Amino acid sequence: MELTNQTTVSEFLLLGLTDNPELQPLIFSLLFLSIYLITILGNLLIILAVSSDTHLHTPMYFFLSNLSFTDICLSTTTIPKMLVNTQTQDQSISYSGCLTQACFVLFFAGLENCLLAAMAYDRYVAICHPLKYTVIMNPRLCALLVLLSLPISTVNALLLTLAVLHLSFCTDLEIPLFFCELAQIIKLACSDTFINNVLIYVAAFIFGGVPLSGIIFSYAQIVSSVLRIPSVRARHKAFSTCGSHLTVVSLFYGTGLGVYISSAVTDSSRKTVMASVMYSVVPQITNPFIYSLRSRDMKEALRKLFRRVSSVL
């Protein structure tokens, strides 16, 4: 394919999961449309359950409702465009639309990263400093942690996205994914991408590494504190309060690491696509199930919510 330099770019092509026209309706109707609707419904139920039940007006569920809202936004940033492209058989996305989508993906992924760190701190305080929990995790601090996540995620997203504007691109403008991912956009550039790659590593270290370090530190302290509890039953109960969050953290960072390893060790576009699907779709649809199935309080809140809805209908 010809790779002549083309500074002015009007659009990119999102190749999606497959170029087989026979599989396109299957992907649209049975796979991604269903995934999107389940993601929206599941996370919306979490938000409604937390807001309607006073027993869930605690820091942990406050962060969870914000996480659910972030999951809805992240899914809405990527999947609807892919569904429209599938239905219209048009794989194109405008240059500005592609950068905007990449920016929002980075923003909501960064926001989720910060919220997971805040939830880890909440579990650390609850287990290691239970007597001071209500004093430390007061509503003001919880709101401040969420509000601080917004500018942090915004700076990260804008810094990496705006740096793409100085790049010139070739005529090969095909992105082997169903959404615009910053790393894939940079790979299409004909000009020098050294600054962009450095920024990605620096941003990953600061905006990704710092929250992850906070999560690791919190759980190291939690494990150390729980192991000092003499009662086996009490130890199990303490660990069980962290189970849902630890599962979500493992899924979020595990799939993110899978995307990085896949893009680093293989040139297969199919494997890159599947890794990106795991990262951008799977955590968002599974988070509501993880928290609703593992939490008695959430189950009870959902039952109350369904009773209220059924009584109204």
C-alpha atoms as a PDB file:
ATOM      1  CA  MET A   1       0.000   0.000   0.000  1.00  0.00           C
ATOM      2  CA  GLU A   2       1.229   3.472  -0.861  1.00  0.00           C
ATOM      3  CA  LEU A   3       2.523   5.447   2.100  1.00  0.00           C
ATOM      4  CA  THR A   4       2.898   8.962   0.732  1.00  0.00           C
ATOM      5  CA  ASN A   5       2.909  11.768   3.235  1.00  0.00           C
ATOM      6  CA  GLN A   6      -0.446  13.449   3.701  1.00  0.00           C
ATOM      7  CA  THR A   7      -0.420  16.250   6.253  1.00  0.00           C
ATOM      8  CA  THR A   8      -4.141  17.075   5.871  1.00  0.00           C
ATOM      9  CA  VAL A   9      -6.345  14.178   6.943  1.00  0.00           C
ATOM     10  CA  SER A  10     -10.131  14.217   6.563  1.00  0.00           C
ATOM     11  CA  GLU A  11     -11.021  10.792   7.946  1.00  0.00           C
ATOM     12  CA  PHE A  12      -9.846   7.427   9.247  1.00  0.00           C
ATOM     13  CA  LEU A  13     -11.264   3.968   8.598  1.00  0.00           C
ATOM     14  CA  LEU A  14     -12.324   1.763  11.501  1.00  0.00           C
ATOM     15  CA  LEU A  15     -11.949  -1.813  10.305  1.00  0.00           C
ATOM     16  CA  GLY A  16     -13.896  -3.261  13.244  1.00  0.00           C
ATOM     17  CA  LEU A  17     -13.967  -6.913  14.201  1.00  0.00           C
ATOM     18  CA  THR A  18     -14.420  -8.409  10.758  1.00  0.00           C
ATOM     19  CA  ASP A  19     -14.735  -7.405   7.122  1.00  0.00           C
ATOM     20  CA  ASN A  20     -17.008 -10.379   6.362  1.00  0.00           C
ATOM     21  CA  PRO A  21     -20.404  -8.876   5.377  1.00  0.00           C
ATOM     22  CA  GLU A  22     -22.230 -12.046   6.438  1.00  0.00           C
ATOM     23  CA  LEU A  23     -20.985 -11.657  10.011  1.00  0.00           C
ATOM     24  CA  GLN A  24     -21.788  -7.941  10.282  1.00  0.00           C
ATOM     25  CA  PRO A  25     -25.525  -8.378  11.170  1.00  0.00           C
ATOM     26  CA  LEU A  26     -24.599 -11.055  13.723  1.00  0.00           C
ATOM     27  CA  ILE A  27     -22.063  -8.758  15.377  1.00  0.00           C
ATOM     28  CA  PHE A  28     -24.527  -5.874  15.344  1.00  0.00           C
ATOM     29  CA  SER A  29     -27.739  -7.553  16.568  1.00  0.00           C
ATOM     30  CA  LEU A  30     -26.533 -10.356  18.796  1.00  0.00           C
ATOM     31  CA  LEU A  31     -23.202  -9.228  20.150  1.00  0.00           C
ATOM     32  CA  PHE A  32     -22.442  -5.557  20.576  1.00  0.00           C
ATOM     33  CA  LEU A  33     -25.990  -4.205  20.714  1.00  0.00           C
ATOM     34  CA  SER A  34     -26.791  -6.730  23.440  1.00  0.00           C
ATOM     35  CA  ILE A  35     -23.541  -5.954  25.277  1.00  0.00           C
ATOM     36  CA  TYR A  36     -24.227  -2.225  25.141  1.00  0.00           C
ATOM     37  CA  LEU A  37     -27.820  -2.518  26.384  1.00  0.00           C
ATOM     38  CA  ILE A  38     -26.816  -4.873  29.217  1.00  0.00           C
ATOM     39  CA  THR A  39     -23.976  -2.530  30.187  1.00  0.00           C
ATOM     40  CA  ILE A  40     -26.279   0.505  30.305  1.00  0.00           C
ATOM     41  CA  LEU A  41     -29.052  -1.341  32.153  1.00  0.00           C
ATOM     42  CA  GLY A  42     -26.735  -3.043  34.669  1.00  0.00           C
ATOM     43  CA  ASN A  43     -24.826   0.078  35.604  1.00  0.00           C
ATOM     44  CA  LEU A  44     -27.989   2.204  35.660  1.00  0.00           C
ATOM     45  CA  LEU A  45     -29.578  -0.245  38.106  1.00  0.00           C
ATOM     46  CA  ILE A  46     -26.519   0.078  40.357  1.00  0.00           C
ATOM     47  CA  ILE A  47     -26.841   3.886  40.336  1.00  0.00           C
ATOM     48  CA  LEU A  48     -30.606   3.774  41.030  1.00  0.00           C
ATOM     49  CA  ALA A  49     -30.213   1.183  43.781  1.00  0.00           C
ATOM     50  CA  VAL A  50     -27.509   3.209  45.549  1.00  0.00           C
ATOM     51  CA  SER A  51     -29.398   6.500  45.274  1.00  0.00           C
ATOM     52  CA  SER A  52     -32.762   5.048  46.413  1.00  0.00           C
ATOM     53  CA  ASP A  53     -31.570   2.991  49.404  1.00  0.00           C
ATOM     54  CA  THR A  54     -30.335   4.972  52.419  1.00  0.00           C
ATOM     55  CA  HIS A  55     -28.445   1.904  53.680  1.00  0.00           C
ATOM     56  CA  LEU A  56     -26.141   2.266  50.671  1.00  0.00           C
ATOM     57  CA  HIS A  57     -25.340   5.924  51.298  1.00  0.00           C
ATOM     58  CA  THR A  58     -21.796   5.014  52.317  1.00  0.00           C
ATOM     59  CA  PRO A  59     -18.404   5.949  50.792  1.00  0.00           C
ATOM     60  CA  MET A  60     -17.951   2.543  49.141  1.00  0.00           C
ATOM     61  CA  TYR A  61     -21.277   2.700  47.296  1.00  0.00           C
ATOM     62  CA  PHE A  62     -20.816   6.396  46.532  1.00  0.00           C
ATOM     63  CA  PHE A  63     -17.630   5.499  44.643  1.00  0.00           C
ATOM     64  CA  LEU A  64     -19.386   2.494  43.081  1.00  0.00           C
ATOM     65  CA  SER A  65     -22.196   4.638  41.659  1.00  0.00           C
ATOM     66  CA  ASN A  66     -19.595   6.994  40.158  1.00  0.00           C
ATOM     67  CA  LEU A  67     -17.756   3.982  38.718  1.00  0.00           C
ATOM     68  CA  SER A  68     -21.001   2.740  37.148  1.00  0.00           C
ATOM     69  CA  PHE A  69     -21.643   6.161  35.597  1.00  0.00           C
ATOM     70  CA  THR A  70     -18.095   6.160  34.206  1.00  0.00           C
ATOM     71  CA  ASP A  71     -18.646   2.682  32.732  1.00  0.00           C
ATOM     72  CA  ILE A  72     -21.796   3.905  30.985  1.00  0.00           C
ATOM     73  CA  CYS A  73     -19.930   6.877  29.525  1.00  0.00           C
ATOM     74  CA  LEU A  74     -16.954   4.783  28.405  1.00  0.00           C
ATOM     75  CA  SER A  75     -19.196   2.284  26.616  1.00  0.00           C
ATOM     76  CA  THR A  76     -21.217   5.101  25.031  1.00  0.00           C
ATOM     77  CA  THR A  77     -17.999   6.660  23.716  1.00  0.00           C
ATOM     78  CA  THR A  78     -17.095   3.606  21.625  1.00  0.00           C
ATOM     79  CA  ILE A  79     -19.935   1.165  20.935  1.00  0.00           C
ATOM     80  CA  PRO A  80     -22.679   3.387  19.374  1.00  0.00           C
ATOM     81  CA  LYS A  81     -20.316   4.630  16.643  1.00  0.00           C
ATOM     82  CA  MET A  82     -19.372   1.045  15.877  1.00  0.00           C
ATOM     83  CA  LEU A  83     -23.063   0.045  15.675  1.00  0.00           C
ATOM     84  CA  VAL A  84     -23.812   2.937  13.303  1.00  0.00           C
ATOM     85  CA  ASN A  85     -20.856   1.993  11.083  1.00  0.00           C
ATOM     86  CA  THR A  86     -22.023  -1.620  10.985  1.00  0.00           C
ATOM     87  CA  GLN A  87     -25.569  -0.710  10.033  1.00  0.00           C
ATOM     88  CA  THR A  88     -24.608   1.836   7.384  1.00  0.00           C
ATOM     89  CA  GLN A  89     -21.699  -0.256   6.043  1.00  0.00           C
ATOM     90  CA  ASP A  90     -19.565   2.872   6.357  1.00  0.00           C
ATOM     91  CA  GLN A  91     -16.292   2.387   8.232  1.00  0.00           C
ATOM     92  CA  SER A  92     -15.183   6.012   8.118  1.00  0.00           C
ATOM     93  CA  ILE A  93     -14.831   8.429  11.027  1.00  0.00           C
ATOM     94  CA  SER A  94     -13.757  12.044  10.629  1.00  0.00           C
ATOM     95  CA  TYR A  95     -10.316  13.197  11.776  1.00  0.00           C
ATOM     96  CA  SER A  96     -11.797  15.463  14.458  1.00  0.00           C
ATOM     97  CA  GLY A  97     -14.295  12.779  15.456  1.00  0.00           C
ATOM     98  CA  CYS A  98     -11.531  10.211  15.814  1.00  0.00           C
ATOM     99  CA  LEU A  99      -9.387  12.441  18.031  1.00  0.00           C
ATOM    100  CA  THR A 100     -12.444  13.403  20.085  1.00  0.00           C
ATOM    101  CA  GLN A 101     -13.328   9.761  20.614  1.00  0.00           C
ATOM    102  CA  ALA A 102      -9.737   8.894  21.565  1.00  0.00           C
ATOM    103  CA  CYS A 103      -9.713  11.815  24.016  1.00  0.00           C
ATOM    104  CA  PHE A 104     -12.922  10.688  25.734  1.00  0.00           C
ATOM    105  CA  VAL A 105     -11.716   7.078  25.908  1.00  0.00           C
ATOM    106  CA  LEU A 106      -8.572   8.282  27.677  1.00  0.00           C
ATOM    107  CA  PHE A 107     -10.592  10.555  29.961  1.00  0.00           C
ATOM    108  CA  PHE A 108     -13.086   7.923  31.135  1.00  0.00           C
ATOM    109  CA  ALA A 109     -10.429   5.208  31.403  1.00  0.00           C
ATOM    110  CA  GLY A 110      -8.334   7.577  33.524  1.00  0.00           C
ATOM    111  CA  LEU A 111     -11.371   8.456  35.631  1.00  0.00           C
ATOM    112  CA  GLU A 112     -12.069   4.769  36.246  1.00  0.00           C
ATOM    113  CA  ASN A 113      -8.433   4.329  37.215  1.00  0.00           C
ATOM    114  CA  CYS A 114      -8.690   7.100  39.829  1.00  0.00           C
ATOM    115  CA  LEU A 115     -12.010   5.811  41.183  1.00  0.00           C
ATOM    116  CA  LEU A 116     -10.582   2.325  41.672  1.00  0.00           C
ATOM    117  CA  ALA A 117      -7.717   3.872  43.657  1.00  0.00           C
ATOM    118  CA  ALA A 118     -10.204   5.840  45.798  1.00  0.00           C
ATOM    119  CA  MET A 119     -12.185   2.657  46.437  1.00  0.00           C
ATOM    120  CA  ALA A 120      -8.985   0.857  47.478  1.00  0.00           C
ATOM    121  CA  TYR A 121      -8.236   3.667  49.955  1.00  0.00           C
ATOM    122  CA  ASP A 122     -11.773   3.346  51.301  1.00  0.00           C
ATOM    123  CA  ARG A 123     -11.251  -0.398  51.936  1.00  0.00           C
ATOM    124  CA  TYR A 124      -7.876   0.340  53.542  1.00  0.00           C
ATOM    125  CA  VAL A 125      -9.395   2.798  56.013  1.00  0.00           C
ATOM    126  CA  ALA A 126     -12.372   0.503  56.722  1.00  0.00           C
ATOM    127  CA  ILE A 127     -10.180  -2.490  57.597  1.00  0.00           C
ATOM    128  CA  CYS A 128      -7.014  -0.939  59.010  1.00  0.00           C
ATOM    129  CA  HIS A 129      -8.636   2.001  60.850  1.00  0.00           C
ATOM    130  CA  PRO A 130     -12.244   0.928  61.523  1.00  0.00           C
ATOM    131  CA  LEU A 131     -12.731   3.176  64.564  1.00  0.00           C
ATOM    132  CA  LYS A 132     -11.721   6.263  62.556  1.00  0.00           C
ATOM    133  CA  TYR A 133     -13.548   5.234  59.371  1.00  0.00           C
ATOM    134  CA  THR A 134     -16.504   7.632  59.635  1.00  0.00           C
ATOM    135  CA  VAL A 135     -14.206  10.486  60.608  1.00  0.00           C
ATOM    136  CA  ILE A 136     -11.681   9.929  57.803  1.00  0.00           C
ATOM    137  CA  MET A 137     -14.080   8.902  55.017  1.00  0.00           C
ATOM    138  CA  ASN A 138     -16.446  11.824  55.519  1.00  0.00           C
ATOM    139  CA  PRO A 139     -18.696  13.066  52.672  1.00  0.00           C
ATOM    140  CA  ARG A 140     -16.406  16.021  52.021  1.00  0.00           C
ATOM    141  CA  LEU A 141     -13.347  13.820  51.439  1.00  0.00           C
ATOM    142  CA  CYS A 142     -15.313  11.405  49.239  1.00  0.00           C
ATOM    143  CA  ALA A 143     -16.584  14.243  47.061  1.00  0.00           C
ATOM    144  CA  LEU A 144     -13.084  15.756  46.940  1.00  0.00           C
ATOM    145  CA  LEU A 145     -11.548  12.463  45.752  1.00  0.00           C
ATOM    146  CA  VAL A 146     -14.072  12.253  42.910  1.00  0.00           C
ATOM    147  CA  LEU A 147     -13.660  15.917  41.977  1.00  0.00           C
ATOM    148  CA  LEU A 148      -9.865  15.599  41.938  1.00  0.00           C
ATOM    149  CA  SER A 149     -10.195  12.673  39.535  1.00  0.00           C
ATOM    150  CA  LEU A 150     -11.817  14.957  36.946  1.00  0.00           C
ATOM    151  CA  PRO A 151      -8.934  17.417  36.342  1.00  0.00           C
ATOM    152  CA  ILE A 152      -6.363  14.622  36.602  1.00  0.00           C
ATOM    153  CA  SER A 153      -8.144  12.613  33.898  1.00  0.00           C
ATOM    154  CA  THR A 154      -8.744  15.732  31.799  1.00  0.00           C
ATOM    155  CA  VAL A 155      -5.066  16.750  31.824  1.00  0.00           C
ATOM    156  CA  ASN A 156      -4.013  13.227  30.872  1.00  0.00           C
ATOM    157  CA  ALA A 157      -6.503  12.962  27.997  1.00  0.00           C
ATOM    158  CA  LEU A 158      -5.852  16.435  26.557  1.00  0.00           C
ATOM    159  CA  LEU A 159      -2.073  16.177  26.891  1.00  0.00           C
ATOM    160  CA  LEU A 160      -1.898  12.965  24.867  1.00  0.00           C
ATOM    161  CA  THR A 161      -4.585  13.890  22.336  1.00  0.00           C
ATOM    162  CA  LEU A 162      -3.412  17.426  21.538  1.00  0.00           C
ATOM    163  CA  ALA A 163       0.111  16.106  20.944  1.00  0.00           C
ATOM    164  CA  VAL A 164      -1.272  14.213  17.921  1.00  0.00           C
ATOM    165  CA  LEU A 165      -2.214  17.453  16.159  1.00  0.00           C
ATOM    166  CA  HIS A 166       1.387  18.140  15.042  1.00  0.00           C
ATOM    167  CA  LEU A 167       1.672  14.741  13.295  1.00  0.00           C
ATOM    168  CA  SER A 168       1.336  14.238   9.566  1.00  0.00           C
ATOM    169  CA  PHE A 169      -0.246  11.049   8.272  1.00  0.00           C
ATOM    170  CA  CYS A 170       0.128   8.714   5.333  1.00  0.00           C
ATOM    171  CA  THR A 171      -2.541   7.546   2.910  1.00  0.00           C
ATOM    172  CA  ASP A 172      -2.830   4.299   4.872  1.00  0.00           C
ATOM    173  CA  LEU A 173      -5.394   5.482   7.419  1.00  0.00           C
ATOM    174  CA  GLU A 174      -6.905   2.157   8.498  1.00  0.00           C
ATOM    175  CA  ILE A 175      -7.308   1.565  12.250  1.00  0.00           C
ATOM    176  CA  PRO A 176      -7.662  -2.192  12.935  1.00  0.00           C
ATOM    177  CA  LEU A 177     -10.176  -1.615  15.771  1.00  0.00           C
ATOM    178  CA  PHE A 178     -13.827  -0.627  16.168  1.00  0.00           C
ATOM    179  CA  PHE A 179     -12.890   2.647  17.888  1.00  0.00           C
ATOM    180  CA  CYS A 180     -10.081   5.214  17.748  1.00  0.00           C
ATOM    181  CA  GLU A 181      -7.284   4.228  20.087  1.00  0.00           C
ATOM    182  CA  LEU A 182      -4.461   6.738  20.524  1.00  0.00           C
ATOM    183  CA  ALA A 183      -1.647   4.204  20.084  1.00  0.00           C
ATOM    184  CA  GLN A 184      -3.142   3.003  16.802  1.00  0.00           C
ATOM    185  CA  ILE A 185      -3.543   6.586  15.523  1.00  0.00           C
ATOM    186  CA  ILE A 186       0.105   7.334  16.273  1.00  0.00           C
ATOM    187  CA  LYS A 187       1.184   4.186  14.392  1.00  0.00           C
ATOM    188  CA  LEU A 188      -0.357   5.641  11.213  1.00  0.00           C
ATOM    189  CA  ALA A 189       1.776   8.800  11.323  1.00  0.00           C
ATOM    190  CA  CYS A 190       4.524   9.375   8.773  1.00  0.00           C
ATOM    191  CA  SER A 191       6.268  12.036  10.849  1.00  0.00           C
ATOM    192  CA  ASP A 192       8.442  11.495  13.903  1.00  0.00           C
ATOM    193  CA  THR A 193       6.404  10.131  16.833  1.00  0.00           C
ATOM    194  CA  PHE A 194       9.193  10.125  19.442  1.00  0.00           C
ATOM    195  CA  ILE A 195       7.591  12.908  21.531  1.00  0.00           C
ATOM    196  CA  ASN A 196       4.213  11.200  21.409  1.00  0.00           C
ATOM    197  CA  ASN A 197       5.641   7.871  22.545  1.00  0.00           C
ATOM    198  CA  VAL A 198       7.562   9.550  25.369  1.00  0.00           C
ATOM    199  CA  LEU A 199       4.388  11.341  26.487  1.00  0.00           C
ATOM    200  CA  ILE A 200       2.479   8.051  26.500  1.00  0.00           C
ATOM    201  CA  TYR A 201       5.068   6.389  28.739  1.00  0.00           C
ATOM    202  CA  VAL A 202       5.317   9.400  31.054  1.00  0.00           C
ATOM    203  CA  ALA A 203       1.518   9.688  31.311  1.00  0.00           C
ATOM    204  CA  ALA A 204       1.194   5.939  31.899  1.00  0.00           C
ATOM    205  CA  PHE A 205       3.768   6.143  34.690  1.00  0.00           C
ATOM    206  CA  ILE A 206       2.226   9.193  36.387  1.00  0.00           C
ATOM    207  CA  PHE A 207      -1.516   8.901  35.730  1.00  0.00           C
ATOM    208  CA  GLY A 208      -1.613   5.114  35.688  1.00  0.00           C
ATOM    209  CA  GLY A 209       1.289   4.090  37.895  1.00  0.00           C
ATOM    210  CA  VAL A 210       0.481   6.371  40.831  1.00  0.00           C
ATOM    211  CA  PRO A 211      -3.133   5.136  41.293  1.00  0.00           C
ATOM    212  CA  LEU A 212      -1.996   1.540  40.791  1.00  0.00           C
ATOM    213  CA  SER A 213       0.740   2.029  43.391  1.00  0.00           C
ATOM    214  CA  GLY A 214      -1.897   3.384  45.752  1.00  0.00           C
ATOM    215  CA  ILE A 215      -4.045   0.302  45.186  1.00  0.00           C
ATOM    216  CA  ILE A 216      -1.099  -2.049  45.762  1.00  0.00           C
ATOM    217  CA  PHE A 217      -0.074  -0.176  48.923  1.00  0.00           C
ATOM    218  CA  SER A 218      -3.651  -0.237  50.256  1.00  0.00           C
ATOM    219  CA  TYR A 219      -4.002  -3.971  49.749  1.00  0.00           C
ATOM    220  CA  ALA A 220      -0.553  -4.665  51.183  1.00  0.00           C
ATOM    221  CA  GLN A 221      -1.635  -2.859  54.344  1.00  0.00           C
ATOM    222  CA  ILE A 222      -4.986  -4.656  54.310  1.00  0.00           C
ATOM    223  CA  VAL A 223      -3.374  -8.103  54.028  1.00  0.00           C
ATOM    224  CA  SER A 224      -0.892  -7.251  56.772  1.00  0.00           C
ATOM    225  CA  SER A 225      -3.675  -6.021  59.058  1.00  0.00           C
ATOM    226  CA  VAL A 226      -6.045  -8.932  58.386  1.00  0.00           C
ATOM    227  CA  LEU A 227      -3.376 -11.582  58.968  1.00  0.00           C
ATOM    228  CA  ARG A 228      -2.937 -10.203  62.477  1.00  0.00           C
ATOM    229  CA  ILE A 229      -6.586 -10.970  63.300  1.00  0.00           C
ATOM    230  CA  PRO A 230      -6.664 -14.163  65.426  1.00  0.00           C
ATOM    231  CA  SER A 231     -10.148 -15.304  64.379  1.00  0.00           C
ATOM    232  CA  VAL A 232     -10.341 -17.165  61.051  1.00  0.00           C
ATOM    233  CA  ARG A 233     -13.973 -16.171  60.633  1.00  0.00           C
ATOM    234  CA  ALA A 234     -13.160 -12.502  61.204  1.00  0.00           C
ATOM    235  CA  ARG A 235     -10.309 -12.733  58.709  1.00  0.00           C
ATOM    236  CA  HIS A 236     -12.604 -14.245  56.089  1.00  0.00           C
ATOM    237  CA  LYS A 237     -15.201 -11.535  56.686  1.00  0.00           C
ATOM    238  CA  ALA A 238     -12.576  -8.798  56.324  1.00  0.00           C
ATOM    239  CA  PHE A 239     -11.256 -10.250  53.080  1.00  0.00           C
ATOM    240  CA  SER A 240     -14.787 -10.747  51.717  1.00  0.00           C
ATOM    241  CA  THR A 241     -15.456  -6.998  51.925  1.00  0.00           C
ATOM    242  CA  CYS A 242     -12.617  -6.476  49.430  1.00  0.00           C
ATOM    243  CA  GLY A 243     -13.510  -9.330  47.082  1.00  0.00           C
ATOM    244  CA  SER A 244     -15.671  -7.399  44.631  1.00  0.00           C
ATOM    245  CA  HIS A 245     -13.284  -4.459  44.358  1.00  0.00           C
ATOM    246  CA  LEU A 246     -10.255  -6.710  43.975  1.00  0.00           C
ATOM    247  CA  THR A 247     -12.013  -8.637  41.191  1.00  0.00           C
ATOM    248  CA  VAL A 248     -12.845  -5.410  39.333  1.00  0.00           C
ATOM    249  CA  VAL A 249      -9.289  -4.113  39.759  1.00  0.00           C
ATOM    250  CA  SER A 250      -7.833  -7.381  38.448  1.00  0.00           C
ATOM    251  CA  LEU A 251     -10.166  -7.299  35.452  1.00  0.00           C
ATOM    252  CA  PHE A 252      -9.451  -3.638  34.646  1.00  0.00           C
ATOM    253  CA  TYR A 253      -5.670  -3.796  34.904  1.00  0.00           C
ATOM    254  CA  GLY A 254      -5.453  -7.359  33.610  1.00  0.00           C
ATOM    255  CA  THR A 255      -7.230  -6.535  30.352  1.00  0.00           C
ATOM    256  CA  GLY A 256      -5.253  -3.277  30.052  1.00  0.00           C
ATOM    257  CA  LEU A 257      -2.009  -5.202  30.436  1.00  0.00           C
ATOM    258  CA  GLY A 258      -3.273  -7.679  27.857  1.00  0.00           C
ATOM    259  CA  VAL A 259      -3.749  -4.862  25.329  1.00  0.00           C
ATOM    260  CA  TYR A 260      -0.215  -3.588  25.957  1.00  0.00           C
ATOM    261  CA  ILE A 261       1.376  -7.043  25.652  1.00  0.00           C
ATOM    262  CA  SER A 262      -0.677  -7.865  22.559  1.00  0.00           C
ATOM    263  CA  SER A 263       0.354  -4.679  20.737  1.00  0.00           C
ATOM    264  CA  ALA A 264       3.992  -5.094  21.819  1.00  0.00           C
ATOM    265  CA  VAL A 265       4.598  -8.744  20.926  1.00  0.00           C
ATOM    266  CA  THR A 266       2.331  -9.345  17.933  1.00  0.00           C
ATOM    267  CA  ASP A 267       1.564  -7.662  14.624  1.00  0.00           C
ATOM    268  CA  SER A 268      -1.700  -9.592  14.262  1.00  0.00           C
ATOM    269  CA  SER A 269      -4.578  -7.139  13.892  1.00  0.00           C
ATOM    270  CA  ARG A 270      -7.048  -9.853  14.954  1.00  0.00           C
ATOM    271  CA  LYS A 271      -5.289 -10.351  18.310  1.00  0.00           C
ATOM    272  CA  THR A 272      -5.041  -6.591  18.818  1.00  0.00           C
ATOM    273  CA  VAL A 273      -8.765  -6.226  18.161  1.00  0.00           C
ATOM    274  CA  MET A 274      -9.698  -8.977  20.611  1.00  0.00           C
ATOM    275  CA  ALA A 275      -7.405  -7.519  23.286  1.00  0.00           C
ATOM    276  CA  SER A 276      -8.996  -4.078  22.847  1.00  0.00           C
ATOM    277  CA  VAL A 277     -12.493  -5.595  23.072  1.00  0.00           C
ATOM    278  CA  MET A 278     -11.509  -7.235  26.356  1.00  0.00           C
ATOM    279  CA  TYR A 279     -10.277  -3.893  27.696  1.00  0.00           C
ATOM    280  CA  SER A 280     -12.992  -1.547  26.432  1.00  0.00           C
ATOM    281  CA  VAL A 281     -16.089  -3.752  26.732  1.00  0.00           C
ATOM    282  CA  VAL A 282     -15.682  -6.601  29.237  1.00  0.00           C
ATOM    283  CA  PRO A 283     -14.977  -4.655  32.482  1.00  0.00           C
ATOM    284  CA  GLN A 284     -17.914  -2.315  31.878  1.00  0.00           C
ATOM    285  CA  ILE A 285     -20.438  -5.124  31.418  1.00  0.00           C
ATOM    286  CA  THR A 286     -19.132  -7.339  34.225  1.00  0.00           C
ATOM    287  CA  ASN A 287     -18.727  -4.726  36.990  1.00  0.00           C
ATOM    288  CA  PRO A 288     -22.480  -4.572  37.836  1.00  0.00           C
ATOM    289  CA  PHE A 289     -22.690  -8.368  38.035  1.00  0.00           C
ATOM    290  CA  ILE A 290     -19.603  -8.603  40.240  1.00  0.00           C
ATOM    291  CA  TYR A 291     -20.930  -6.115  42.784  1.00  0.00           C
ATOM    292  CA  SER A 292     -24.574  -7.232  42.707  1.00  0.00           C
ATOM    293  CA  LEU A 293     -23.774 -10.939  43.055  1.00  0.00           C
ATOM    294  CA  ARG A 294     -21.202 -10.545  45.830  1.00  0.00           C
ATOM    295  CA  SER A 295     -22.934  -7.915  47.963  1.00  0.00           C
ATOM    296  CA  ARG A 296     -25.957  -8.774  50.135  1.00  0.00           C
ATOM    297  CA  ASP A 297     -26.736  -5.094  50.619  1.00  0.00           C
ATOM    298  CA  MET A 298     -26.772  -4.520  46.864  1.00  0.00           C
ATOM    299  CA  LYS A 299     -29.007  -7.557  46.286  1.00  0.00           C
ATOM    300  CA  GLU A 300     -31.479  -6.293  48.875  1.00  0.00           C
ATOM    301  CA  ALA A 301     -31.399  -2.780  47.416  1.00  0.00           C
ATOM    302  CA  LEU A 302     -32.102  -4.153  43.937  1.00  0.00           C
ATOM    303  CA  ARG A 303     -35.018  -6.220  45.282  1.00  0.00           C
ATOM    304  CA  LYS A 304     -36.508  -3.090  46.873  1.00  0.00           C
ATOM    305  CA  LEU A 305     -36.007  -1.170  43.633  1.00  0.00           C
ATOM    306  CA  PHE A 306     -37.752  -3.863  41.573  1.00  0.00           C
ATOM    307  CA  ARG A 307     -40.649  -3.941  44.071  1.00  0.00           C
ATOM    308  CA  ARG A 308     -41.086  -0.163  43.782  1.00  0.00           C
ATOM    309  CA  VAL A 309     -41.002  -0.295  39.985  1.00  0.00           C
ATOM    310  CA  SER A 310     -43.466  -3.210  39.841  1.00  0.00           C
ATOM    311  CA  SER A 311     -45.852  -1.473  42.262  1.00  0.00           C
ATOM    312  CA  VAL A 312     -45.854   1.638  40.082  1.00  0.00           C
ATOM    313  CA  LEU A 313     -46.477  -0.396  36.940  1.00  0.00           C
END
